[in-house]
Protein backbone atom coordinates (compact mmCIF):
# COMPACT_ATOMS: atom_id res chain seq x y z
CA MET A 1 154.71 98.23 87.61
CA THR A 2 153.89 100.66 84.31
CA LYS A 3 150.69 102.43 84.99
CA LYS A 4 148.99 100.40 82.14
CA THR A 5 149.58 97.43 84.52
CA ASN A 6 148.23 99.98 87.72
CA ARG A 7 145.14 101.14 85.36
CA ALA A 8 144.33 96.86 84.39
CA ILE A 9 145.00 95.44 88.47
CA SER A 10 142.36 98.97 89.12
CA GLN A 11 139.72 98.11 86.00
CA ALA A 12 139.73 94.44 87.29
CA LYS A 13 138.99 95.63 91.05
CA GLN A 14 136.30 97.98 90.21
CA LEU A 15 135.07 95.01 88.11
CA GLU A 16 134.58 92.69 91.11
CA ALA A 17 133.20 95.11 93.11
CA ILE A 18 130.53 95.69 90.79
CA SER A 19 129.79 92.18 90.80
CA ARG A 20 130.16 91.57 94.14
CA VAL A 21 127.49 93.88 94.28
CA SER A 22 125.25 92.83 91.67
CA LYS A 23 124.89 89.23 93.08
CA THR A 24 123.33 90.39 96.67
CA ILE A 25 120.46 91.21 94.07
CA THR A 26 119.15 87.05 94.66
CA SER A 27 121.02 86.84 97.57
CA ASN A 28 118.77 86.43 100.69
CA LEU A 29 120.61 89.17 102.59
CA TYR A 30 118.68 91.46 104.98
CA LEU A 31 118.42 94.94 103.63
CA GLU A 32 120.24 96.06 106.12
CA ASP A 33 122.94 94.64 105.10
CA ILE A 34 123.01 94.87 101.76
CA LEU A 35 123.63 98.73 102.91
CA LYS A 36 127.08 97.61 104.44
CA LEU A 37 128.45 96.18 101.87
CA ILE A 38 127.36 98.30 99.48
CA VAL A 39 129.21 101.03 101.12
CA THR A 40 131.83 98.48 102.37
CA VAL A 41 132.88 97.64 98.73
CA SER A 42 132.49 101.05 97.78
CA ALA A 43 135.21 102.39 100.22
CA GLU A 44 137.49 99.45 98.95
CA ILE A 45 137.44 101.09 95.31
CA MET A 46 137.47 104.11 95.91
CA ASN A 47 140.11 104.11 98.86
CA SER A 48 137.42 106.67 100.35
CA LYS A 49 138.18 107.13 104.12
CA ILE A 50 134.68 107.45 104.65
CA CYS A 51 131.75 106.91 102.52
CA SER A 52 127.78 106.66 103.43
CA LEU A 53 124.62 105.40 101.84
CA SER A 54 121.02 107.86 102.80
CA LEU A 55 117.58 106.76 101.60
CA VAL A 56 115.23 108.86 100.08
CA ASP A 57 112.12 108.99 103.06
CA GLU A 58 109.35 110.61 100.81
CA LYS A 59 106.84 111.36 102.58
CA ALA A 60 109.09 113.51 105.31
CA GLY A 61 111.06 114.49 102.25
CA THR A 62 114.90 113.77 103.53
CA LEU A 63 118.00 112.37 103.05
CA VAL A 64 118.55 109.32 106.08
CA LEU A 65 121.52 108.16 106.16
CA LYS A 66 121.00 104.36 106.02
CA ALA A 67 124.55 102.67 105.83
CA THR A 68 128.74 103.22 106.33
CA GLN A 69 131.58 102.14 107.07
CA SER A 70 133.00 104.95 109.27
CA MET A 71 132.92 104.84 113.29
CA SER A 72 132.85 108.32 113.92
CA GLU A 73 129.83 108.82 115.86
CA ALA A 74 129.20 112.32 115.31
CA TYR A 75 129.16 111.52 111.09
CA ASN A 76 126.92 109.23 111.45
CA LYS A 77 124.47 110.95 113.89
CA LYS A 78 124.68 113.92 111.68
CA ALA A 79 120.56 114.94 111.04
CA PRO A 80 118.78 114.13 108.01
CA LEU A 81 119.05 116.36 104.99
CA ARG A 82 115.98 118.18 102.60
CA ILE A 83 115.95 117.21 99.68
CA GLY A 84 117.05 119.95 97.66
CA GLU A 85 119.11 121.21 100.35
CA GLY A 86 123.09 120.52 101.19
CA ILE A 87 125.49 118.64 98.07
CA ALA A 88 123.88 115.20 99.07
CA GLY A 89 120.09 117.07 98.76
CA LYS A 90 121.64 118.80 95.18
CA VAL A 91 122.38 115.07 94.25
CA ALA A 92 118.74 113.81 95.07
CA LEU A 93 117.05 116.37 93.07
CA GLU A 94 118.82 116.99 90.23
CA ASN A 95 119.89 112.63 89.80
CA LYS A 96 123.19 113.83 89.06
CA PRO A 97 126.60 113.25 90.23
CA MET A 98 129.04 116.51 92.38
CA VAL A 99 132.20 115.94 93.04
CA VAL A 100 133.35 119.53 95.87
CA TYR A 101 137.24 119.82 95.79
CA GLY A 102 137.20 121.18 99.19
CA ILE A 103 134.73 120.28 101.09
CA SER A 104 135.68 123.07 103.38
CA LYS A 105 134.89 125.72 100.79
CA GLU A 106 131.78 124.40 99.95
CA PRO A 107 129.27 126.84 101.12
CA GLU A 108 126.78 124.69 100.20
CA TYR A 109 128.34 121.84 102.26
CA LYS A 110 125.91 121.78 105.78
CA TYR A 111 128.18 119.46 107.96
CA LYS A 112 131.51 121.31 107.76
CA ASP A 113 132.39 121.19 111.31
CA ILE A 114 132.08 117.59 110.74
CA ALA A 115 134.36 117.90 107.88
CA LYS A 116 136.80 119.37 109.84
CA LYS A 117 137.27 117.01 112.87
CA GLU A 118 136.89 114.09 110.76
CA GLY A 119 139.76 115.34 108.15
CA LEU A 120 137.28 114.78 105.75
CA ARG A 121 138.80 116.90 102.73
CA SER A 122 137.36 116.31 99.37
CA LEU A 123 134.14 114.38 98.19
CA LEU A 124 132.10 112.71 95.74
CA SER A 125 128.33 112.04 95.74
CA VAL A 126 126.41 110.16 93.52
CA PRO A 127 122.75 109.34 93.03
CA LEU A 128 120.75 106.05 93.25
CA SER A 129 118.35 105.76 90.86
CA VAL A 130 116.45 103.12 89.29
CA LYS A 131 114.48 104.01 86.77
CA GLY A 132 115.10 107.62 86.78
CA ARG A 133 113.80 107.05 90.38
CA VAL A 134 116.30 109.09 92.74
CA ILE A 135 115.85 106.21 95.53
CA GLY A 136 119.44 107.68 97.36
CA VAL A 137 122.60 108.83 97.29
CA LEU A 138 126.09 107.62 97.66
CA ASN A 139 128.76 109.59 99.49
CA ASN A 140 132.50 108.91 99.30
CA TYR A 141 134.89 111.11 101.29
CA THR A 142 138.33 111.29 100.79
CA SER A 143 141.19 111.95 103.43
CA ARG A 144 142.81 114.46 101.44
CA PRO A 145 142.22 117.32 98.39
CA HIS A 146 141.38 114.40 95.74
CA LYS A 147 140.39 116.15 91.99
CA PHE A 148 138.46 112.85 90.94
CA THR A 149 138.43 111.53 87.27
CA LYS A 150 136.34 110.14 85.17
CA GLN A 151 136.94 107.17 85.39
CA GLU A 152 136.48 107.40 89.58
CA ILE A 153 132.63 109.17 89.14
CA ASP A 154 131.16 106.62 86.29
CA VAL A 155 132.63 103.58 88.12
CA LEU A 156 131.01 105.28 91.31
CA THR A 157 127.83 105.40 89.15
CA SER A 158 128.15 101.99 88.57
CA VAL A 159 127.87 101.03 91.68
CA SER A 160 125.03 102.96 92.66
CA ASN A 161 122.63 102.22 89.08
CA GLN A 162 123.51 98.47 90.62
CA ALA A 163 122.59 99.31 93.99
CA ALA A 164 119.78 101.19 93.50
CA ILE A 165 118.81 97.82 91.51
CA VAL A 166 119.37 95.55 94.60
CA ILE A 167 117.74 97.55 97.40
CA GLU A 168 114.88 98.14 95.45
CA ASN A 169 114.39 94.14 95.14
CA ALA A 170 114.78 94.35 98.37
CA GLU A 171 112.62 96.28 99.80
CA LEU A 172 110.42 94.57 97.18
CA MET A 173 110.76 91.20 99.33
CA VAL A 174 110.38 92.59 102.31
CA LYS A 175 107.14 94.63 101.27
CA THR A 176 105.78 91.46 99.92
CA ARG A 177 106.67 89.71 103.16
CA VAL A 178 104.65 92.57 104.81
CA ILE A 179 101.70 91.73 102.57
CA GLN A 180 101.57 88.62 102.99
CA GLU A 181 101.57 88.46 106.78
CA GLU A 182 99.11 90.71 106.35
CA LEU A 183 97.22 88.08 104.11
CA GLU A 184 97.82 85.17 106.24
CA THR A 185 96.82 87.06 109.30
CA ARG A 186 93.63 88.57 108.04
CA LYS A 187 92.86 84.43 107.04
CA SER A 188 93.27 83.26 110.30
CA VAL A 189 91.57 85.60 112.04
CA GLU A 190 88.45 85.07 109.79
CA LYS A 191 88.46 81.82 110.67
CA ALA A 192 88.80 82.07 114.15
CA LYS A 193 85.91 85.07 113.86
CA GLY A 194 83.74 81.71 112.03
CA ILE A 195 84.51 79.72 114.75
CA LEU A 196 83.75 81.99 118.03
CA MET A 197 79.97 82.90 116.51
CA LYS A 198 79.54 78.86 115.94
CA GLU A 199 80.35 78.22 119.57
CA HIS A 200 79.59 82.14 121.24
CA GLY A 201 76.82 82.38 118.99
CA LEU A 202 78.60 86.18 118.18
CA SER A 203 77.84 88.93 115.64
CA GLU A 204 80.84 88.98 113.57
CA GLU A 205 81.90 92.56 115.04
CA GLU A 206 81.63 90.72 118.41
CA ALA A 207 83.91 87.87 117.60
CA PHE A 208 86.18 90.41 116.03
CA LYS A 209 86.02 92.46 119.29
CA LYS A 210 86.41 89.52 121.26
CA ILE A 211 89.99 89.18 119.24
CA GLN A 212 91.00 92.26 119.58
CA ARG A 213 90.81 92.79 122.97
CA GLN A 214 92.37 89.42 123.37
CA SER A 215 95.42 90.62 121.75
CA MET A 216 95.20 93.75 123.12
CA ASP A 217 95.28 91.90 127.09
CA THR A 218 97.59 89.86 126.18
CA ARG A 219 99.80 92.10 124.69
CA ARG A 220 99.99 89.57 121.27
CA SER A 221 99.22 90.37 117.88
CA MET A 222 95.72 88.83 117.23
CA ARG A 223 96.61 86.47 114.55
CA ASP A 224 98.93 84.64 117.86
CA ILE A 225 95.44 84.85 118.90
CA ALA A 226 93.29 83.79 116.60
CA GLU A 227 95.47 81.12 115.00
CA ALA A 228 95.71 79.75 119.53
CA ILE A 229 91.68 79.71 118.23
CA LEU A 230 92.34 77.24 115.78
CA LEU A 231 94.87 75.22 117.27
CA ILE A 232 92.10 74.35 120.51
CA ASP A 233 88.97 73.84 118.30
CA THR A 234 91.54 70.94 116.29
CA MET A 235 92.51 69.51 119.54
CA LYS A 236 88.71 69.74 120.04
CA LYS A 237 87.88 67.71 117.16
CA LYS A 238 90.10 64.90 118.01
């Protein structure tokens, strides 16, 4: 097989990988499943021993490991990095890829003991960014010393760019669902308060506290208590 043919096959696989990640934008997959797909696809096209994805925790100022196809308990339980700390932390801070040929000799790499135990040699770390804002980092480790080519860096960057859009979209959907849940809860509680105020001559504050107390006593959500009150009221009217 010629180099040209090998290159064509490689490019086809890369395009397929980017396409697979892109398709999740319109999917109903949960964020956890999306992250697992991203690391699996990235590991396949890069022939990585370990691929991991960490997301930025803006409040803590750290990178938190969220997904990996690695079975290594030591790697999966490694401590979060501060933004600007280590290779991945620096990638998140500067919003640009970094390549490490020899992990064991890299002063800034923070997990040399784990790398030695797992046989990790080289690293390509790229940012996950949307509109210039870094939301995470994608790391690819090899089991042999490897000089990543410009094409490999470009391909993983393309995957990470698509992945960032997918992740942001999924997070927005989660936030939207949470807001919707909060609105529905508020509506139910308001209606239930009205019923209690009318039936028991309670003030608005007293009605709210009654629902709140029942929620705490039964260890059920206020929405559940409110909807139970609404259901009983509906049944009384029949």
